[in-house]
């Protein structure tokens, strides 16, 4: 059973930066595709970024709304996935979730992800 624990959220002014971390335990972390999702109040959970790995990074994918501002990376030695968020905007305010997909395929639909963290709050003030 994979367990995911997010950290790094907080309150930041517009234009600022945050780095989220997702620490994984259990399972075969290095083989899973990993994704970051977010959910704002009254909205559906949406894909933010994903990363696929096989010895080295095969590919990454980003939502159009965060391209050029967010960067996803992973450190398999530390069983950790990161989301570097720069140039934050008030519309980035949400609870951010880390998720793992056992299929290793990089997908954007949350229903395909098998494991989820508890989420970390990101609030961007204007």
Foldseek 3Di string as FASTA:
>chain_A
DKAKAKDWADEEAAQAKIKMKIAIDDDDLQQWKKFKWWDDPPGDIWTAKIWFHDPHTPDMDGDPVQPPFWDWDDDVVRRMIMIIGGRDDQVVWTWMKMFIANVSDDDTDPVRTDDIYPTDTHGYHD
